[in-house]
Amino acid sequence: MNDNAYRVRAERGEVQIGTWVNMIRTPAVLTLLRAAGLDFARVDMEHSPFSMETVADMGDAGARARFSLGGSSPGGQS
């Protein structure tokens, strides 16, 4: 299993730049965000219409691109 790049950099105190994803429903956006130099993205299920399938596809795309991905649950339930 690979180390979580986001966690490793955070523990070293490095600044990381990321964004929320709440309107673009294609997992390919994660590849574009990484290519643009971002370090992570958060998939927002609380304020967007993303289905669990879309979020699962984004998780898979993030793992393949080695791009850190977080998320928020629907209705603010953590």
PDB file of N, CA and C in Angstrom:
ATOM      1  N   MET A   1       0.833  -1.173   0.000  1.00  0.00           N
ATOM      2  CA  MET A   1       0.000   0.000   0.000  1.00  0.00           C
ATOM      3  C   MET A   1       0.887   1.250   0.000  1.00  0.00           C
ATOM      4  N   ASN A   2       0.524   2.246  -0.794  1.00  0.00           N
ATOM      5  CA  ASN A   2       1.286   3.477  -0.880  1.00  0.00           C
ATOM      6  C   ASN A   2       0.949   4.406   0.277  1.00  0.00           C
ATOM      7  N   ASP A   3       1.938   5.228   0.662  1.00  0.00           N
ATOM      8  CA  ASP A   3       1.683   6.238   1.693  1.00  0.00           C
ATOM      9  C   ASP A   3       0.699   7.269   1.157  1.00  0.00           C
ATOM     10  N   ASN A   4      -0.057   7.852   2.057  1.00  0.00           N
ATOM     11  CA  ASN A   4      -0.975   8.931   1.713  1.00  0.00           C
ATOM     12  C   ASN A   4      -0.139  10.195   1.540  1.00  0.00           C
ATOM     13  N   ALA A   5       0.040  10.640   0.292  1.00  0.00           N
ATOM     14  CA  ALA A   5       0.904  11.789  -0.006  1.00  0.00           C
ATOM     15  C   ALA A   5       0.434  13.045   0.713  1.00  0.00           C
ATOM     16  N   TYR A   6      -0.873  13.224   0.806  1.00  0.00           N
ATOM     17  CA  TYR A   6      -1.423  14.393   1.501  1.00  0.00           C
ATOM     18  C   TYR A   6      -1.002  14.381   2.968  1.00  0.00           C
ATOM     19  N   ARG A   7      -1.157  13.251   3.622  1.00  0.00           N
ATOM     20  CA  ARG A   7      -0.824  13.141   5.042  1.00  0.00           C
ATOM     21  C   ARG A   7       0.676  13.326   5.264  1.00  0.00           C
ATOM     22  N   VAL A   8       1.499  12.714   4.431  1.00  0.00           N
ATOM     23  CA  VAL A   8       2.949  12.828   4.581  1.00  0.00           C
ATOM     24  C   VAL A   8       3.387  14.284   4.485  1.00  0.00           C
ATOM     25  N   ARG A   9       2.861  14.993   3.481  1.00  0.00           N
ATOM     26  CA  ARG A   9       3.230  16.404   3.312  1.00  0.00           C
ATOM     27  C   ARG A   9       2.688  17.259   4.444  1.00  0.00           C
ATOM     28  N   ALA A  10       1.494  16.970   4.936  1.00  0.00           N
ATOM     29  CA  ALA A  10       0.922  17.727   6.053  1.00  0.00           C
ATOM     30  C   ALA A  10       1.754  17.539   7.317  1.00  0.00           C
ATOM     31  N   GLU A  11       2.208  16.329   7.560  1.00  0.00           N
ATOM     32  CA  GLU A  11       3.025  16.059   8.746  1.00  0.00           C
ATOM     33  C   GLU A  11       4.370  16.775   8.688  1.00  0.00           C
ATOM     34  N   ARG A  12       4.852  17.026   7.471  1.00  0.00           N
ATOM     35  CA  ARG A  12       6.106  17.792   7.308  1.00  0.00           C
ATOM     36  C   ARG A  12       5.855  19.292   7.358  1.00  0.00           C
ATOM     37  N   GLY A  13       4.589  19.702   7.446  1.00  0.00           N
ATOM     38  CA  GLY A  13       4.255  21.120   7.520  1.00  0.00           C
ATOM     39  C   GLY A  13       4.272  21.838   6.184  1.00  0.00           C
ATOM     40  N   GLU A  14       4.209  21.095   5.101  1.00  0.00           N
ATOM     41  CA  GLU A  14       4.223  21.698   3.771  1.00  0.00           C
ATOM     42  C   GLU A  14       2.854  22.277   3.428  1.00  0.00           C
ATOM     43  N   VAL A  15       2.875  23.409   2.739  1.00  0.00           N
ATOM     44  CA  VAL A  15       1.633  24.023   2.275  1.00  0.00           C
ATOM     45  C   VAL A  15       1.100  23.217   1.101  1.00  0.00           C
ATOM     46  N   GLN A  16      -0.209  22.978   1.118  1.00  0.00           N
ATOM     47  CA  GLN A  16      -0.852  22.253   0.031  1.00  0.00           C
ATOM     48  C   GLN A  16      -2.038  23.068  -0.468  1.00  0.00           C
ATOM     49  N   ILE A  17      -2.240  23.049  -1.757  1.00  0.00           N
ATOM     50  CA  ILE A  17      -3.322  23.808  -2.380  1.00  0.00           C
ATOM     51  C   ILE A  17      -4.323  22.819  -2.974  1.00  0.00           C
ATOM     52  N   GLY A  18      -5.604  23.053  -2.683  1.00  0.00           N
ATOM     53  CA  GLY A  18      -6.643  22.174  -3.206  1.00  0.00           C
ATOM     54  C   GLY A  18      -7.905  22.945  -3.511  1.00  0.00           C
ATOM     55  N   THR A  19      -8.934  22.212  -3.885  1.00  0.00           N
ATOM     56  CA  THR A  19     -10.207  22.833  -4.222  1.00  0.00           C
ATOM     57  C   THR A  19     -11.351  21.879  -3.916  1.00  0.00           C
ATOM     58  N   TRP A  20     -12.557  22.432  -3.921  1.00  0.00           N
ATOM     59  CA  TRP A  20     -13.771  21.640  -3.783  1.00  0.00           C
ATOM     60  C   TRP A  20     -14.285  21.286  -5.174  1.00  0.00           C
ATOM     61  N   VAL A  21     -14.825  20.106  -5.310  1.00  0.00           N
ATOM     62  CA  VAL A  21     -15.476  19.699  -6.558  1.00  0.00           C
ATOM     63  C   VAL A  21     -16.952  19.507  -6.223  1.00  0.00           C
ATOM     64  N   ASN A  22     -17.805  20.370  -6.798  1.00  0.00           N
ATOM     65  CA  ASN A  22     -19.228  20.224  -6.502  1.00  0.00           C
ATOM     66  C   ASN A  22     -20.124  20.478  -7.703  1.00  0.00           C
ATOM     67  N   MET A  23     -19.549  20.760  -8.860  1.00  0.00           N
ATOM     68  CA  MET A  23     -20.380  20.998 -10.038  1.00  0.00           C
ATOM     69  C   MET A  23     -19.999  20.104 -11.217  1.00  0.00           C
ATOM     70  N   ILE A  24     -18.743  19.746 -11.323  1.00  0.00           N
ATOM     71  CA  ILE A  24     -18.285  18.946 -12.461  1.00  0.00           C
ATOM     72  C   ILE A  24     -18.400  17.478 -12.086  1.00  0.00           C
ATOM     73  N   ARG A  25     -19.254  16.765 -12.786  1.00  0.00           N
ATOM     74  CA  ARG A  25     -19.592  15.401 -12.380  1.00  0.00           C
ATOM     75  C   ARG A  25     -18.739  14.320 -13.025  1.00  0.00           C
ATOM     76  N   THR A  26     -17.731  14.690 -13.776  1.00  0.00           N
ATOM     77  CA  THR A  26     -16.893  13.670 -14.398  1.00  0.00           C
ATOM     78  C   THR A  26     -15.607  13.463 -13.597  1.00  0.00           C
ATOM     79  N   PRO A  27     -15.222  12.215 -13.360  1.00  0.00           N
ATOM     80  CA  PRO A  27     -13.998  11.950 -12.624  1.00  0.00           C
ATOM     81  C   PRO A  27     -12.740  12.482 -13.319  1.00  0.00           C
ATOM     82  N   ALA A  28     -12.808  12.721 -14.620  1.00  0.00           N
ATOM     83  CA  ALA A  28     -11.643  13.222 -15.357  1.00  0.00           C
ATOM     84  C   ALA A  28     -11.180  14.581 -14.835  1.00  0.00           C
ATOM     85  N   VAL A  29     -12.040  15.311 -14.131  1.00  0.00           N
ATOM     86  CA  VAL A  29     -11.652  16.615 -13.594  1.00  0.00           C
ATOM     87  C   VAL A  29     -10.471  16.466 -12.627  1.00  0.00           C
ATOM     88  N   LEU A  30     -10.357  15.339 -11.958  1.00  0.00           N
ATOM     89  CA  LEU A  30      -9.261  15.143 -11.008  1.00  0.00           C
ATOM     90  C   LEU A  30      -7.918  15.106 -11.724  1.00  0.00           C
ATOM     91  N   THR A  31      -7.863  14.505 -12.886  1.00  0.00           N
ATOM     92  CA  THR A  31      -6.641  14.488 -13.675  1.00  0.00           C
ATOM     93  C   THR A  31      -6.259  15.904 -14.078  1.00  0.00           C
ATOM     94  N   LEU A  32      -7.244  16.701 -14.458  1.00  0.00           N
ATOM     95  CA  LEU A  32      -6.980  18.090 -14.839  1.00  0.00           C
ATOM     96  C   LEU A  32      -6.494  18.905 -13.642  1.00  0.00           C
ATOM     97  N   LEU A  33      -7.098  18.704 -12.481  1.00  0.00           N
ATOM     98  CA  LEU A  33      -6.683  19.441 -11.291  1.00  0.00           C
ATOM     99  C   LEU A  33      -5.251  19.100 -10.895  1.00  0.00           C
ATOM    100  N   ARG A  34      -4.908  17.838 -10.994  1.00  0.00           N
ATOM    101  CA  ARG A  34      -3.531  17.442 -10.675  1.00  0.00           C
ATOM    102  C   ARG A  34      -2.563  18.048 -11.681  1.00  0.00           C
ATOM    103  N   ALA A  35      -2.915  18.004 -12.957  1.00  0.00           N
ATOM    104  CA  ALA A  35      -2.051  18.580 -13.995  1.00  0.00           C
ATOM    105  C   ALA A  35      -1.886  20.090 -13.800  1.00  0.00           C
ATOM    106  N   ALA A  36      -2.891  20.732 -13.211  1.00  0.00           N
ATOM    107  CA  ALA A  36      -2.829  22.173 -12.956  1.00  0.00           C
ATOM    108  C   ALA A  36      -1.972  22.493 -11.732  1.00  0.00           C
ATOM    109  N   GLY A  37      -1.536  21.472 -11.023  1.00  0.00           N
ATOM    110  CA  GLY A  37      -0.637  21.679  -9.900  1.00  0.00           C
ATOM    111  C   GLY A  37      -1.277  21.618  -8.529  1.00  0.00           C
ATOM    112  N   LEU A  38      -2.562  21.301  -8.461  1.00  0.00           N
ATOM    113  CA  LEU A  38      -3.214  21.195  -7.161  1.00  0.00           C
ATOM    114  C   LEU A  38      -2.766  19.919  -6.452  1.00  0.00           C
ATOM    115  N   ASP A  39      -2.830  19.951  -5.134  1.00  0.00           N
ATOM    116  CA  ASP A  39      -2.389  18.817  -4.324  1.00  0.00           C
ATOM    117  C   ASP A  39      -3.519  17.895  -3.899  1.00  0.00           C
ATOM    118  N   PHE A  40      -4.740  18.425  -3.834  1.00  0.00           N
ATOM    119  CA  PHE A  40      -5.867  17.607  -3.382  1.00  0.00           C
ATOM    120  C   PHE A  40      -7.175  18.233  -3.837  1.00  0.00           C
ATOM    121  N   ALA A  41      -8.238  17.461  -3.717  1.00  0.00           N
ATOM    122  CA  ALA A  41      -9.594  17.960  -3.961  1.00  0.00           C
ATOM    123  C   ALA A  41     -10.516  17.327  -2.936  1.00  0.00           C
ATOM    124  N   ARG A  42     -11.601  18.009  -2.650  1.00  0.00           N
ATOM    125  CA  ARG A  42     -12.662  17.477  -1.788  1.00  0.00           C
ATOM    126  C   ARG A  42     -13.928  17.373  -2.616  1.00  0.00           C
ATOM    127  N   VAL A  43     -14.533  16.214  -2.599  1.00  0.00           N
ATOM    128  CA  VAL A  43     -15.788  15.991  -3.310  1.00  0.00           C
ATOM    129  C   VAL A  43     -16.927  16.340  -2.352  1.00  0.00           C
ATOM    130  N   ASP A  44     -17.731  17.283  -2.757  1.00  0.00           N
ATOM    131  CA  ASP A  44     -18.785  17.815  -1.887  1.00  0.00           C
ATOM    132  C   ASP A  44     -20.115  17.130  -2.175  1.00  0.00           C
ATOM    133  N   MET A  45     -20.514  16.231  -1.294  1.00  0.00           N
ATOM    134  CA  MET A  45     -21.811  15.570  -1.446  1.00  0.00           C
ATOM    135  C   MET A  45     -22.907  16.305  -0.681  1.00  0.00           C
ATOM    136  N   GLU A  46     -22.509  17.249   0.175  1.00  0.00           N
ATOM    137  CA  GLU A  46     -23.496  17.974   0.969  1.00  0.00           C
ATOM    138  C   GLU A  46     -24.213  19.036   0.143  1.00  0.00           C
ATOM    139  N   HIS A  47     -23.494  19.689  -0.759  1.00  0.00           N
ATOM    140  CA  HIS A  47     -24.060  20.796  -1.533  1.00  0.00           C
ATOM    141  C   HIS A  47     -24.127  20.497  -3.031  1.00  0.00           C
ATOM    142  N   SER A  48     -24.070  19.254  -3.400  1.00  0.00           N
ATOM    143  CA  SER A  48     -24.107  18.884  -4.819  1.00  0.00           C
ATOM    144  C   SER A  48     -24.995  17.654  -5.005  1.00  0.00           C
ATOM    145  N   PRO A  49     -25.373  17.386  -6.250  1.00  0.00           N
ATOM    146  CA  PRO A  49     -26.239  16.229  -6.506  1.00  0.00           C
ATOM    147  C   PRO A  49     -25.466  14.934  -6.801  1.00  0.00           C
ATOM    148  N   PHE A  50     -24.199  14.838  -6.399  1.00  0.00           N
ATOM    149  CA  PHE A  50     -23.408  13.650  -6.721  1.00  0.00           C
ATOM    150  C   PHE A  50     -24.026  12.395  -6.119  1.00  0.00           C
ATOM    151  N   SER A  51     -24.078  11.355  -6.908  1.00  0.00           N
ATOM    152  CA  SER A  51     -24.531  10.058  -6.418  1.00  0.00           C
ATOM    153  C   SER A  51     -23.341   9.313  -5.810  1.00  0.00           C
ATOM    154  N   MET A  52     -23.629   8.262  -5.079  1.00  0.00           N
ATOM    155  CA  MET A  52     -22.549   7.433  -4.532  1.00  0.00           C
ATOM    156  C   MET A  52     -21.708   6.830  -5.645  1.00  0.00           C
ATOM    157  N   GLU A  53     -22.342   6.508  -6.769  1.00  0.00           N
ATOM    158  CA  GLU A  53     -21.610   5.943  -7.902  1.00  0.00           C
ATOM    159  C   GLU A  53     -20.623   6.951  -8.465  1.00  0.00           C
ATOM    160  N   THR A  54     -21.043   8.212  -8.587  1.00  0.00           N
ATOM    161  CA  THR A  54     -20.141   9.257  -9.081  1.00  0.00           C
ATOM    162  C   THR A  54     -18.964   9.435  -8.134  1.00  0.00           C
ATOM    163  N   VAL A  55     -19.245   9.462  -6.851  1.00  0.00           N
ATOM    164  CA  VAL A  55     -18.177   9.623  -5.865  1.00  0.00           C
ATOM    165  C   VAL A  55     -17.232   8.425  -5.894  1.00  0.00           C
ATOM    166  N   ALA A  56     -17.767   7.229  -6.050  1.00  0.00           N
ATOM    167  CA  ALA A  56     -16.924   6.034  -6.154  1.00  0.00           C
ATOM    168  C   ALA A  56     -16.043   6.110  -7.395  1.00  0.00           C
ATOM    169  N   ASP A  57     -16.602   6.556  -8.511  1.00  0.00           N
ATOM    170  CA  ASP A  57     -15.806   6.714  -9.733  1.00  0.00           C
ATOM    171  C   ASP A  57     -14.702   7.751  -9.535  1.00  0.00           C
ATOM    172  N   MET A  58     -15.015   8.836  -8.812  1.00  0.00           N
ATOM    173  CA  MET A  58     -13.997   9.861  -8.538  1.00  0.00           C
ATOM    174  C   MET A  58     -12.908   9.302  -7.624  1.00  0.00           C
ATOM    175  N   GLY A  59     -13.301   8.498  -6.655  1.00  0.00           N
ATOM    176  CA  GLY A  59     -12.311   7.865  -5.785  1.00  0.00           C
ATOM    177  C   GLY A  59     -11.373   6.968  -6.561  1.00  0.00           C
ATOM    178  N   ASP A  60     -11.931   6.212  -7.489  1.00  0.00           N
ATOM    179  CA  ASP A  60     -11.112   5.342  -8.330  1.00  0.00           C
ATOM    180  C   ASP A  60     -10.180   6.165  -9.211  1.00  0.00           C
ATOM    181  N   ALA A  61     -10.696   7.231  -9.817  1.00  0.00           N
ATOM    182  CA  ALA A  61      -9.874   8.088 -10.673  1.00  0.00           C
ATOM    183  C   ALA A  61      -8.779   8.769  -9.862  1.00  0.00           C
ATOM    184  N   GLY A  62      -9.114   9.214  -8.644  1.00  0.00           N
ATOM    185  CA  GLY A  62      -8.105   9.833  -7.789  1.00  0.00           C
ATOM    186  C   GLY A  62      -6.991   8.857  -7.430  1.00  0.00           C
ATOM    187  N   ALA A  63      -7.359   7.630  -7.131  1.00  0.00           N
ATOM    188  CA  ALA A  63      -6.351   6.618  -6.796  1.00  0.00           C
ATOM    189  C   ALA A  63      -5.451   6.321  -7.988  1.00  0.00           C
ATOM    190  N   ARG A  64      -6.048   6.198  -9.161  1.00  0.00           N
ATOM    191  CA  ARG A  64      -5.243   5.930 -10.358  1.00  0.00           C
ATOM    192  C   ARG A  64      -4.303   7.084 -10.684  1.00  0.00           C
ATOM    193  N   ALA A  65      -4.730   8.312 -10.426  1.00  0.00           N
ATOM    194  CA  ALA A  65      -3.913   9.494 -10.713  1.00  0.00           C
ATOM    195  C   ALA A  65      -2.982   9.839  -9.547  1.00  0.00           C
ATOM    196  N   ARG A  66      -3.087   9.061  -8.446  1.00  0.00           N
ATOM    197  CA  ARG A  66      -2.313   9.342  -7.234  1.00  0.00           C
ATOM    198  C   ARG A  66      -2.554  10.782  -6.773  1.00  0.00           C
ATOM    199  N   PHE A  67      -3.828  11.134  -6.725  1.00  0.00           N
ATOM    200  CA  PHE A  67      -4.281  12.478  -6.362  1.00  0.00           C
ATOM    201  C   PHE A  67      -5.128  12.360  -5.099  1.00  0.00           C
ATOM    202  N   SER A  68      -4.733  13.062  -4.053  1.00  0.00           N
ATOM    203  CA  SER A  68      -5.452  12.969  -2.776  1.00  0.00           C
ATOM    204  C   SER A  68      -6.871  13.517  -2.894  1.00  0.00           C
ATOM    205  N   LEU A  69      -7.797  12.783  -2.333  1.00  0.00           N
ATOM    206  CA  LEU A  69      -9.205  13.121  -2.455  1.00  0.00           C
ATOM    207  C   LEU A  69      -9.884  12.953  -1.101  1.00  0.00           C
ATOM    208  N   GLY A  70     -10.658  13.942  -0.708  1.00  0.00           N
ATOM    209  CA  GLY A  70     -11.453  13.871   0.514  1.00  0.00           C
ATOM    210  C   GLY A  70     -12.900  14.100   0.149  1.00  0.00           C
ATOM    211  N   GLY A  71     -13.745  14.166   1.136  1.00  0.00           N
ATOM    212  CA  GLY A  71     -15.152  14.378   0.816  1.00  0.00           C
ATOM    213  C   GLY A  71     -15.979  14.807   2.005  1.00  0.00           C
ATOM    214  N   SER A  72     -17.167  15.255   1.704  1.00  0.00           N
ATOM    215  CA  SER A  72     -18.153  15.572   2.739  1.00  0.00           C
ATOM    216  C   SER A  72     -19.382  14.730   2.469  1.00  0.00           C
ATOM    217  N   SER A  73     -20.028  14.344   3.534  1.00  0.00           N
ATOM    218  CA  SER A  73     -21.167  13.446   3.380  1.00  0.00           C
ATOM    219  C   SER A  73     -22.454  14.244   3.129  1.00  0.00           C
ATOM    220  N   PRO A  74     -23.460  13.586   2.550  1.00  0.00           N
ATOM    221  CA  PRO A  74     -24.733  14.274   2.298  1.00  0.00           C
ATOM    222  C   PRO A  74     -25.376  14.743   3.595  1.00  0.00           C
ATOM    223  N   GLY A  75     -25.931  15.916   3.563  1.00  0.00           N
ATOM    224  CA  GLY A  75     -26.620  16.431   4.736  1.00  0.00           C
ATOM    225  C   GLY A  75     -25.730  16.815   5.885  1.00  0.00           C
ATOM    226  N   GLY A  76     -24.428  16.909   5.640  1.00  0.00           N
ATOM    227  CA  GLY A  76     -23.496  17.308   6.684  1.00  0.00           C
ATOM    228  C   GLY A  76     -23.258  16.256   7.748  1.00  0.00           C
ATOM    229  N   GLN A  77     -23.609  15.010   7.470  1.00  0.00           N
ATOM    230  CA  GLN A  77     -23.432  13.926   8.429  1.00  0.00           C
ATOM    231  C   GLN A  77     -22.050  13.337   8.260  1.00  0.00           C
ATOM    232  N   SER A  78     -21.156  13.599   9.183  1.00  0.00           N
ATOM    233  CA  SER A  78     -19.780  13.103   9.080  1.00  0.00           C
ATOM    234  C   SER A  78     -19.644  11.721   9.658  1.00  0.00           C
TER     235      SER A  78
END
